[in-house]
Amino acid sequence: MQIRTGKGMPVMHRNQCCAAVLALLLLVLAGCGGYELERTQARSKVTLQGTFLTESPDEINFPVKVLFAIDCSLSMGDTINGQMAGSDPHFLRIDAVRDFIDQYNSNENTSFEIMLWNNDVFERTRTIDGSGGFTKDPDELNRVLDAARNDTMTDYLGTLDAIYTDIQRDINREDEDNLIRTKYVVVFLSDGMSNVQGGSQPNTDIWNSVSDLYDMAEQRGVGGFNFHTFLLLGMFPPTSNGQMARQLAEETLQGMADEGKGQFRLFDSAEAIDFINVVDMRLTVEYKIKYMVAYNYNVRPGIEIIYRDSDGDGLIDDDEATHGTDPGIKDTDNDGMSDYFEVRLSSPGNVLDPLAQDSPCNVPVDGLWPDSDMDGLTDCEEYVKGTNRHLVDTDSDGIPDGIEFLTGMNPLEVQYTTDSDFDGSEDWLEVQQHTNLTSDDPLIRERYSYNYSVHDNGLVLIDQGSEMESYVRRGKQSDPFLYC
């Protein structure tokens, strides 16, 4: 076969043409210095399998503190023309509180505070130091319950201020390690609208007070907080004015419950008051898997390959050599902050040296820097970063603070839709897949990304020895491929 290379050009045989093209290609490669070969690594695949059950919502193995704020205004009961009148002249609401305490006080994890209020909080349970607070002492609880009397007006705002003060004081007294497991429940019962010196208090002020209380508890890291409200009917006549007053009272109490993440209920009469079957002391949530992640601390994903991190501090071995740190020790200078932590958080105005003890934290007596919540960040690192050392996941997005910090996410901000490298995969998904969320990395995703297979096997009935049915969820994790 012959090939004509062009008009007026000599004819070349095919073999001669191929040889010329090959020589030209080699010449071009030589002139350009050659192409860099694509880097690859040997991969090891690990498969994990297992089953799990979520926790039971019924096991009260943490402190539960219940505060009863009971309306004792004059509308609850008074003698008129020799006859008892009012929504609860026989103090059946007080008996209901007593029954509730008798039901739960045998549990060592529960304690109670009782506030009796009208125009002000005129009686409350007190702690050993004489300040208002929670107790298990039957004598102190009965002392307050026996002091109930109906008088004067209905001050919502003043009572809410007292509730805030006492709960805040109790939180300050609580051991920080135990606070995350502590649940506060407020039971607020009234029979009408706020009424102080002939005028009602604005709903916005009342709702803001409950919101402030809830925010304070949440910011302090308590395990749970609910503000339940109850309206006792009986003082609303079937007239247009009476029904309007009832509507206003319901609106106020419903808004309070909404702000306090609680429930609002009506009692048609004093005889119907029953807190035992209304206020659920159980963890009445069905626990579900929010997020699952397998994380290899000893490798970090790059763009084409993954890099070794022998000590799992987040700084790859090559970078440890650059900074002069020890690749076998997470915290070379033992100042409570890992080598990677100091390198990453250093800035021109605030240099952190991984080779010098420049920690802002007090050195522990035993020289061991604690990680109270075991999230991968030491308590000192949490202090510097601003995360909560008693919460594994400060921003409640399902990813432990330590993993968020190592991967480049923000442990103080929920980032469900963030895609830092604009590669089409959200950051949380890249963390789960163990890919590089700071750079578009198609080769890493193709070669090393982790795969998960989680099967929901449904709810399983748990016998808690009570009439209330309770369920936990059973799941199965199988065939997640982890590449190292």
Protein backbone atom coordinates (compact mmCIF):
# COMPACT_ATOMS: atom_id res chain seq x y z
CA MET A 1 0.00 0.00 0.00
CA GLN A 2 1.21 3.50 -0.85
CA ILE A 3 0.30 6.87 0.74
CA ARG A 4 0.59 10.17 -1.12
CA THR A 5 1.69 12.77 1.35
CA GLY A 6 0.78 15.82 -0.68
CA LYS A 7 0.71 17.41 -4.10
CA GLY A 8 4.11 17.31 -5.68
CA MET A 9 5.46 15.26 -2.73
CA PRO A 10 7.06 11.85 -3.09
CA VAL A 11 4.97 8.78 -2.36
CA MET A 12 5.73 6.93 0.93
CA HIS A 13 4.98 3.40 1.90
CA ARG A 14 2.75 2.92 5.00
CA ASN A 15 5.57 1.53 7.13
CA GLN A 16 7.72 4.52 6.29
CA CYS A 17 4.87 6.88 7.26
CA CYS A 18 4.26 5.18 10.63
CA ALA A 19 7.95 5.30 11.41
CA ALA A 20 8.05 9.00 10.61
CA VAL A 21 5.03 9.74 12.81
CA LEU A 22 6.57 7.76 15.66
CA ALA A 23 9.85 9.60 15.31
CA LEU A 24 8.00 12.92 15.32
CA LEU A 25 6.08 11.92 18.46
CA LEU A 26 9.28 10.96 20.26
CA LEU A 27 10.83 14.24 19.20
CA VAL A 28 7.88 16.20 20.63
CA LEU A 29 8.03 14.28 23.92
CA ALA A 30 11.75 14.86 24.18
CA GLY A 31 11.34 18.55 23.43
CA CYS A 32 8.63 18.95 26.10
CA GLY A 33 10.48 17.02 28.73
CA GLY A 34 7.95 14.16 28.65
CA TYR A 35 4.57 13.70 30.37
CA GLU A 36 4.41 13.17 34.17
CA LEU A 37 3.05 9.75 34.82
CA GLU A 38 -0.15 9.50 36.83
CA ARG A 39 0.55 8.52 40.42
CA THR A 40 -1.22 5.50 41.80
CA GLN A 41 -1.10 3.60 45.08
CA ALA A 42 -1.76 0.09 46.22
CA ARG A 43 -5.14 -0.14 47.93
CA SER A 44 -6.33 -2.27 50.80
CA LYS A 45 -10.07 -2.87 51.15
CA VAL A 46 -11.69 -3.41 54.52
CA THR A 47 -15.28 -4.56 55.02
CA LEU A 48 -17.16 -4.02 58.29
CA GLN A 49 -20.41 -5.71 59.23
CA GLY A 50 -22.64 -5.51 62.26
CA THR A 51 -26.09 -4.86 63.70
CA PHE A 52 -27.22 -2.31 66.26
CA LEU A 53 -30.16 -1.20 68.39
CA THR A 54 -30.88 2.40 69.23
CA GLU A 55 -31.19 3.33 72.89
CA SER A 56 -34.48 2.77 74.68
CA PRO A 57 -36.45 6.00 75.14
CA ASP A 58 -37.77 4.82 78.51
CA GLU A 59 -34.62 4.43 80.54
CA ILE A 60 -34.29 7.44 82.82
CA ASN A 61 -30.62 7.19 83.69
CA PHE A 62 -29.96 10.90 83.92
CA PRO A 63 -31.14 13.66 86.30
CA VAL A 64 -34.67 14.89 85.66
CA LYS A 65 -35.67 18.09 87.48
CA VAL A 66 -39.33 19.09 87.49
CA LEU A 67 -40.43 22.60 88.46
CA PHE A 68 -44.12 23.11 89.26
CA ALA A 69 -45.30 26.73 88.95
CA ILE A 70 -48.86 26.63 90.34
CA ASP A 71 -51.25 29.58 90.08
CA CYS A 72 -52.72 30.52 93.47
CA SER A 73 -54.54 33.70 92.47
CA LEU A 74 -57.90 34.63 93.97
CA SER A 75 -59.86 33.29 91.01
CA MET A 76 -58.80 29.78 92.00
CA GLY A 77 -61.09 29.89 95.04
CA ASP A 78 -62.77 32.24 97.48
CA THR A 79 -65.75 32.37 99.81
CA ILE A 80 -68.64 34.33 98.33
CA ASN A 81 -71.82 34.73 100.34
CA GLY A 82 -70.76 31.86 102.56
CA GLN A 83 -70.15 29.56 99.59
CA MET A 84 -66.85 28.38 98.13
CA ALA A 85 -66.45 29.55 94.54
CA GLY A 86 -63.65 29.52 92.00
CA SER A 87 -61.96 27.15 89.55
CA ASP A 88 -60.31 25.08 92.33
CA PRO A 89 -61.42 26.14 95.81
CA HIS A 90 -60.51 22.74 97.29
CA PHE A 91 -56.88 22.79 96.03
CA LEU A 92 -57.17 19.66 93.94
CA ARG A 93 -54.32 20.98 91.80
CA ILE A 94 -52.08 20.76 94.86
CA ASP A 95 -53.16 17.16 95.41
CA ALA A 96 -52.25 16.43 91.76
CA VAL A 97 -48.75 17.83 92.31
CA ARG A 98 -48.41 15.74 95.47
CA ASP A 99 -49.50 12.58 93.62
CA PHE A 100 -46.97 13.23 90.86
CA ILE A 101 -44.12 13.68 93.33
CA ASP A 102 -45.13 10.56 95.24
CA GLN A 103 -45.06 8.65 91.94
CA TYR A 104 -41.55 9.69 90.88
CA ASN A 105 -39.62 10.74 93.98
CA SER A 106 -38.54 7.16 94.62
CA ASN A 107 -36.35 7.43 91.51
CA GLU A 108 -32.95 8.61 92.67
CA ASN A 109 -32.50 10.67 89.49
CA THR A 110 -35.54 12.91 89.97
CA SER A 111 -35.94 16.08 92.07
CA PHE A 112 -38.58 18.79 92.28
CA GLU A 113 -39.13 22.47 92.86
CA ILE A 114 -42.55 23.90 93.73
CA MET A 115 -43.44 27.57 93.18
CA LEU A 116 -46.75 28.93 94.48
CA TRP A 117 -47.51 32.24 92.83
CA ASN A 118 -50.14 34.91 92.36
CA ASN A 119 -49.14 38.57 92.47
CA ASP A 120 -45.65 37.26 93.22
CA VAL A 121 -43.98 33.95 94.11
CA PHE A 122 -44.96 33.76 97.77
CA GLU A 123 -43.60 30.29 98.52
CA ARG A 124 -41.11 27.88 96.97
CA THR A 125 -38.99 24.89 97.90
CA ARG A 126 -35.52 25.76 99.14
CA THR A 127 -32.14 24.09 99.08
CA ILE A 128 -29.79 23.72 102.02
CA ASP A 129 -28.42 27.26 101.58
CA GLY A 130 -31.95 28.74 101.74
CA SER A 131 -32.27 29.73 98.08
CA GLY A 132 -35.04 28.51 95.83
CA GLY A 133 -34.26 25.25 94.11
CA PHE A 134 -34.82 21.53 93.60
CA THR A 135 -35.07 18.95 96.35
CA LYS A 136 -36.12 15.39 97.10
CA ASP A 137 -36.84 16.08 100.78
CA PRO A 138 -40.49 15.10 101.44
CA ASP A 139 -40.70 17.44 104.42
CA GLU A 140 -39.63 20.45 102.35
CA LEU A 141 -41.93 19.52 99.48
CA ASN A 142 -44.91 19.07 101.80
CA ARG A 143 -44.10 22.31 103.63
CA VAL A 144 -44.61 24.27 100.43
CA LEU A 145 -47.66 22.32 99.28
CA ASP A 146 -49.31 22.84 102.67
CA ALA A 147 -48.75 26.61 102.35
CA ALA A 148 -51.03 26.97 99.30
CA ARG A 149 -53.58 29.77 99.53
CA ASN A 150 -55.57 31.75 96.99
CA ASP A 151 -55.06 35.49 96.94
CA THR A 152 -54.55 38.61 94.77
CA MET A 153 -53.68 38.68 91.05
CA THR A 154 -51.90 36.70 88.31
CA ASP A 155 -48.34 37.84 87.50
CA TYR A 156 -46.95 35.75 84.64
CA LEU A 157 -43.80 37.80 84.03
CA GLY A 158 -42.70 37.93 87.65
CA THR A 159 -43.15 34.17 87.96
CA LEU A 160 -41.18 33.55 84.76
CA ASP A 161 -38.35 35.70 86.11
CA ALA A 162 -38.29 33.58 89.27
CA ILE A 163 -38.24 30.36 87.21
CA TYR A 164 -35.34 31.69 85.13
CA THR A 165 -33.37 32.67 88.23
CA ASP A 166 -33.78 29.32 89.97
CA ILE A 167 -33.01 27.17 86.92
CA GLN A 168 -30.01 29.30 86.04
CA ARG A 169 -28.75 28.96 89.62
CA ASP A 170 -29.23 25.20 89.50
CA ILE A 171 -27.37 24.95 86.20
CA ASN A 172 -24.49 26.92 87.70
CA ARG A 173 -24.37 24.47 90.60
CA GLU A 174 -24.52 21.37 88.42
CA ASP A 175 -21.33 19.54 87.60
CA GLU A 176 -20.49 20.38 83.99
CA ASP A 177 -19.80 16.75 83.12
CA ASN A 178 -23.30 15.85 84.30
CA LEU A 179 -25.12 18.82 82.80
CA ILE A 180 -25.35 17.29 79.35
CA ARG A 181 -27.37 14.44 80.87
CA THR A 182 -29.71 16.69 82.88
CA LYS A 183 -33.26 17.37 81.78
CA TYR A 184 -35.43 20.23 83.08
CA VAL A 185 -39.22 20.11 82.92
CA VAL A 186 -41.38 23.13 83.82
CA VAL A 187 -45.09 22.59 84.60
CA PHE A 188 -46.92 25.93 84.50
CA LEU A 189 -50.60 25.86 85.50
CA SER A 190 -53.01 28.81 85.52
CA ASP A 191 -56.74 29.40 85.35
CA GLY A 192 -56.74 32.58 83.33
CA MET A 193 -54.98 35.49 81.72
CA SER A 194 -52.20 37.48 83.30
CA ASN A 195 -53.65 40.27 85.42
CA VAL A 196 -51.53 42.66 87.43
CA GLN A 197 -53.01 45.82 88.94
CA GLY A 198 -55.99 45.59 86.63
CA GLY A 199 -53.99 45.22 83.41
CA SER A 200 -52.83 42.26 81.34
CA GLN A 201 -49.23 41.63 80.39
CA PRO A 202 -48.30 41.59 76.66
CA ASN A 203 -48.02 38.17 75.07
CA THR A 204 -44.79 39.16 73.33
CA ASP A 205 -43.14 39.89 76.70
CA ILE A 206 -44.40 36.62 78.16
CA TRP A 207 -43.31 34.56 75.17
CA ASN A 208 -39.91 36.26 75.04
CA SER A 209 -39.36 35.39 78.70
CA VAL A 210 -39.97 31.70 77.98
CA SER A 211 -37.77 31.90 74.88
CA ASP A 212 -34.96 33.45 76.93
CA LEU A 213 -35.28 30.63 79.46
CA TYR A 214 -35.13 27.96 76.76
CA ASP A 215 -32.17 29.63 75.03
CA MET A 216 -30.27 29.92 78.30
CA ALA A 217 -30.70 26.22 79.03
CA GLU A 218 -29.73 25.24 75.48
CA GLN A 219 -26.66 27.48 75.44
CA ARG A 220 -25.49 26.00 78.72
CA GLY A 221 -25.65 22.55 77.14
CA VAL A 222 -28.34 20.87 79.25
CA GLY A 223 -29.54 17.50 78.05
CA GLY A 224 -33.14 18.56 77.63
CA PHE A 225 -35.63 21.33 78.43
CA ASN A 226 -39.43 21.43 78.10
CA PHE A 227 -41.87 24.09 79.27
CA HIS A 228 -45.41 22.65 79.53
CA THR A 229 -48.45 24.84 80.12
CA PHE A 230 -51.92 23.94 81.42
CA LEU A 231 -55.11 25.96 81.53
CA LEU A 232 -57.70 25.11 84.17
CA LEU A 233 -61.17 26.00 82.90
CA GLY A 234 -64.05 26.95 85.16
CA MET A 235 -63.79 30.73 85.32
CA PHE A 236 -64.89 31.39 81.75
CA PRO A 237 -68.68 31.84 81.55
CA PRO A 238 -70.45 30.88 78.31
CA THR A 239 -70.86 34.53 77.37
CA SER A 240 -69.11 36.26 74.49
CA ASN A 241 -66.81 38.07 76.94
CA GLY A 242 -66.12 34.84 78.81
CA GLN A 243 -65.24 32.93 75.65
CA MET A 244 -63.08 35.78 74.43
CA ALA A 245 -61.19 35.71 77.73
CA ARG A 246 -60.72 31.96 77.37
CA GLN A 247 -59.40 32.39 73.83
CA LEU A 248 -56.89 34.98 75.01
CA ALA A 249 -55.72 32.72 77.86
CA GLU A 250 -55.33 29.76 75.52
CA GLU A 251 -53.33 31.87 73.07
CA THR A 252 -50.97 33.02 75.81
CA LEU A 253 -50.33 29.56 77.24
CA GLN A 254 -50.09 27.90 73.83
CA GLY A 255 -47.43 30.42 72.80
CA MET A 256 -45.51 29.78 76.02
CA ALA A 257 -45.49 26.05 75.34
CA ASP A 258 -44.36 26.64 71.76
CA GLU A 259 -41.44 28.80 72.88
CA GLY A 260 -40.46 26.25 75.52
CA LYS A 261 -40.71 23.21 73.20
CA GLY A 262 -43.42 21.77 75.43
CA GLN A 263 -47.09 20.89 75.25
CA PHE A 264 -50.27 22.82 76.07
CA ARG A 265 -53.26 21.08 77.66
CA LEU A 266 -56.70 22.02 78.99
CA PHE A 267 -58.28 20.70 82.20
CA ASP A 268 -62.06 21.04 82.11
CA SER A 269 -62.29 20.98 85.89
CA ALA A 270 -60.10 20.71 88.96
CA GLU A 271 -61.15 17.09 89.32
CA ALA A 272 -59.58 16.37 85.91
CA ILE A 273 -56.10 17.59 86.85
CA ASP A 274 -53.68 14.68 86.48
CA PHE A 275 -50.02 15.36 85.79
CA ILE A 276 -48.95 11.71 86.03
CA ASN A 277 -50.66 10.70 82.82
CA VAL A 278 -49.91 13.95 81.01
CA VAL A 279 -46.31 14.87 81.82
CA ASP A 280 -44.25 12.05 80.33
CA MET A 281 -41.06 11.51 82.29
CA ARG A 282 -39.74 9.12 79.68
CA LEU A 283 -37.55 10.04 76.76
CA THR A 284 -40.52 9.86 74.44
CA VAL A 285 -38.55 10.05 71.24
CA GLU A 286 -37.76 7.32 68.82
CA TYR A 287 -34.02 7.36 68.34
CA LYS A 288 -32.92 7.13 64.73
CA ILE A 289 -29.56 7.10 62.99
CA LYS A 290 -28.78 10.68 62.08
CA TYR A 291 -25.38 10.11 60.53
CA MET A 292 -22.89 7.28 60.17
CA VAL A 293 -19.23 7.77 59.38
CA ALA A 294 -16.16 5.56 59.28
CA TYR A 295 -12.99 7.61 59.52
CA ASN A 296 -9.35 6.58 59.05
CA TYR A 297 -7.23 8.99 61.08
CA ASN A 298 -3.96 7.72 59.64
CA VAL A 299 -4.50 8.77 56.03
CA ARG A 300 -5.60 12.08 54.53
CA PRO A 301 -7.07 12.34 51.03
CA GLY A 302 -5.21 14.55 48.57
CA ILE A 303 -6.07 15.14 44.91
CA GLU A 304 -4.75 11.99 43.26
CA ILE A 305 -3.46 9.93 46.16
CA ILE A 306 -3.88 9.67 49.92
CA TYR A 307 -1.13 10.64 52.34
CA ARG A 308 0.14 8.95 55.47
CA ASP A 309 -0.53 10.55 58.84
CA SER A 310 1.18 8.21 61.28
CA ASP A 311 0.05 9.90 64.50
CA GLY A 312 -3.46 10.80 63.26
CA ASP A 313 -3.15 14.45 64.24
CA GLY A 314 -4.24 15.78 60.82
CA LEU A 315 -0.73 16.78 59.71
CA ILE A 316 0.64 14.36 57.10
CA ASP A 317 4.10 12.94 57.68
CA ASP A 318 5.65 15.01 54.87
CA ASP A 319 4.35 18.23 56.45
CA GLU A 320 5.56 17.10 59.90
CA ALA A 321 9.06 16.97 58.43
CA THR A 322 8.60 20.50 57.05
CA HIS A 323 7.51 21.88 60.44
CA GLY A 324 10.04 19.85 62.42
CA THR A 325 7.34 18.08 64.45
CA ASP A 326 7.33 14.42 65.40
CA PRO A 327 5.24 12.32 62.97
CA GLY A 328 4.70 9.74 65.70
CA ILE A 329 3.32 12.14 68.35
CA LYS A 330 0.08 14.09 67.91
CA ASP A 331 1.18 16.92 70.18
CA THR A 332 4.93 17.30 69.87
CA ASP A 333 5.23 20.08 72.47
CA ASN A 334 2.54 18.55 74.78
CA ASP A 335 0.67 21.80 75.28
CA GLY A 336 -2.84 20.40 74.83
CA MET A 337 -3.07 21.35 71.15
CA SER A 338 -2.12 18.91 68.39
CA ASP A 339 0.52 19.79 65.82
CA TYR A 340 -2.09 20.14 63.10
CA PHE A 341 -4.33 22.24 65.35
CA GLU A 342 -1.54 24.74 65.99
CA VAL A 343 -0.47 24.89 62.35
CA ARG A 344 -4.01 25.35 61.08
CA LEU A 345 -5.10 27.98 63.59
CA SER A 346 -1.93 30.05 63.38
CA SER A 347 -2.33 33.49 61.86
CA PRO A 348 0.00 36.49 61.50
CA GLY A 349 -1.41 38.08 64.62
CA ASN A 350 -1.76 34.86 66.59
CA VAL A 351 1.04 32.40 65.91
CA LEU A 352 0.75 29.00 67.53
CA ASP A 353 4.06 27.13 67.56
CA PRO A 354 3.79 23.31 67.52
CA LEU A 355 7.33 23.17 68.91
CA ALA A 356 6.75 25.49 71.90
CA GLN A 357 4.41 25.18 74.87
CA ASP A 358 2.26 28.22 74.16
CA SER A 359 -1.04 26.86 75.40
CA PRO A 360 -3.64 29.25 76.91
CA CYS A 361 -4.83 26.36 79.10
CA ASN A 362 -3.57 25.29 82.51
CA VAL A 363 -1.39 22.21 82.36
CA PRO A 364 -3.11 19.25 84.10
CA VAL A 365 -1.45 17.95 87.26
CA ASP A 366 -0.89 14.54 85.69
CA GLY A 367 0.29 16.07 82.41
CA LEU A 368 -2.46 14.33 80.46
CA TRP A 369 -4.73 16.59 78.43
CA PRO A 370 -8.35 15.36 78.74
CA ASP A 371 -10.95 14.96 76.01
CA SER A 372 -14.10 14.97 78.17
CA ASP A 373 -16.57 14.16 75.40
CA MET A 374 -14.16 11.92 73.43
CA ASP A 375 -14.86 13.73 70.16
CA GLY A 376 -11.23 13.90 69.04
CA LEU A 377 -10.54 17.42 70.33
CA THR A 378 -8.89 17.94 73.70
CA ASP A 379 -10.68 20.17 76.20
CA CYS A 380 -8.00 22.79 75.57
CA GLU A 381 -8.59 22.66 71.82
CA GLU A 382 -12.32 23.00 72.40
CA TYR A 383 -11.65 26.06 74.56
CA VAL A 384 -9.53 27.68 71.84
CA LYS A 385 -11.92 26.71 69.03
CA GLY A 386 -15.06 27.65 70.96
CA THR A 387 -16.77 24.26 70.82
CA ASN A 388 -18.45 22.55 73.78
CA ARG A 389 -16.15 20.13 75.59
CA HIS A 390 -19.17 18.25 76.95
CA LEU A 391 -20.84 17.72 73.56
CA VAL A 392 -19.46 15.30 71.01
CA ASP A 393 -21.21 17.28 68.28
CA THR A 394 -21.50 20.96 69.21
CA ASP A 395 -23.54 22.01 66.18
CA SER A 396 -25.73 18.86 66.24
CA ASP A 397 -25.17 18.03 62.58
CA GLY A 398 -24.25 14.40 63.28
CA ILE A 399 -20.47 14.71 62.78
CA PRO A 400 -18.14 14.74 65.83
CA ASP A 401 -16.32 18.02 66.40
CA GLY A 402 -12.89 16.42 65.98
CA ILE A 403 -13.66 14.95 62.57
CA GLU A 404 -15.20 18.22 61.38
CA PHE A 405 -12.06 20.09 62.38
CA LEU A 406 -9.70 17.59 60.75
CA THR A 407 -11.57 17.60 57.47
CA GLY A 408 -11.97 21.36 57.21
CA MET A 409 -15.62 21.69 58.21
CA ASN A 410 -16.82 24.11 60.88
CA PRO A 411 -17.88 22.30 64.08
CA LEU A 412 -19.78 25.43 65.15
CA GLU A 413 -22.06 25.61 62.12
CA VAL A 414 -24.49 23.19 60.50
CA GLN A 415 -23.35 22.83 56.88
CA TYR A 416 -25.83 20.49 55.24
CA THR A 417 -25.66 22.25 51.86
CA THR A 418 -22.07 23.51 51.83
CA ASP A 419 -19.86 22.32 48.97
CA SER A 420 -16.47 23.90 49.66
CA ASP A 421 -14.74 22.70 46.49
CA PHE A 422 -17.78 23.06 44.17
CA ASP A 423 -17.39 19.50 42.92
CA GLY A 424 -21.05 18.58 43.27
CA SER A 425 -20.65 16.67 46.56
CA GLU A 426 -21.69 18.38 49.82
CA ASP A 427 -19.03 18.54 52.52
CA TRP A 428 -20.87 16.16 54.87
CA LEU A 429 -20.99 13.54 52.12
CA GLU A 430 -17.27 13.94 51.41
CA VAL A 431 -16.52 13.45 55.10
CA GLN A 432 -18.57 10.27 55.09
CA GLN A 433 -16.86 9.04 51.93
CA HIS A 434 -13.42 10.07 53.26
CA THR A 435 -12.63 12.21 50.22
CA ASN A 436 -11.07 15.67 49.96
CA LEU A 437 -13.70 18.30 50.63
CA THR A 438 -11.33 21.22 49.99
CA SER A 439 -10.39 20.33 46.41
CA ASP A 440 -12.12 18.79 43.42
CA ASP A 441 -10.77 15.26 43.54
CA PRO A 442 -12.37 12.93 40.95
CA LEU A 443 -9.54 10.40 41.19
CA ILE A 444 -9.81 10.18 44.97
CA ARG A 445 -13.57 9.71 44.74
CA GLU A 446 -13.15 7.06 42.10
CA ARG A 447 -10.42 5.08 43.82
CA TYR A 448 -10.70 5.57 47.56
CA SER A 449 -14.19 6.76 48.53
CA TYR A 450 -15.95 4.74 51.23
CA ASN A 451 -19.28 3.06 50.48
CA TYR A 452 -21.99 2.31 53.04
CA SER A 453 -24.96 0.01 53.09
CA VAL A 454 -27.25 0.54 56.08
CA HIS A 455 -30.51 -1.40 56.33
CA ASP A 456 -33.36 -0.33 58.62
CA ASN A 457 -34.85 -3.49 60.07
CA GLY A 458 -37.73 -1.63 61.71
CA LEU A 459 -38.98 -1.11 65.25
CA VAL A 460 -38.64 -3.68 68.01
CA LEU A 461 -41.04 -3.70 70.95
CA ILE A 462 -39.24 -3.35 74.28
CA ASP A 463 -40.95 -4.54 77.45
CA GLN A 464 -40.38 -1.86 80.10
CA GLY A 465 -42.72 -3.42 82.65
CA SER A 466 -45.34 -0.70 82.19
CA GLU A 467 -48.57 -0.26 80.26
CA MET A 468 -46.91 2.16 77.84
CA GLU A 469 -45.49 0.51 74.75
CA SER A 470 -41.98 1.47 73.81
CA TYR A 471 -39.88 0.71 70.79
CA VAL A 472 -36.27 0.86 69.73
CA ARG A 473 -35.06 0.71 66.16
CA ARG A 474 -32.98 -2.15 64.84
CA GLY A 475 -30.51 -1.57 62.04
CA LYS A 476 -27.92 -3.54 60.13
CA GLN A 477 -24.72 -2.19 58.66
CA SER A 478 -23.14 -4.33 55.97
CA ASP A 479 -20.68 -4.15 53.12
CA PRO A 480 -19.23 -0.68 53.67
CA PHE A 481 -15.97 -0.71 51.70
CA LEU A 482 -13.21 1.30 53.32
CA TYR A 483 -10.04 1.88 51.33
CA CYS A 484 -6.73 2.53 53.03
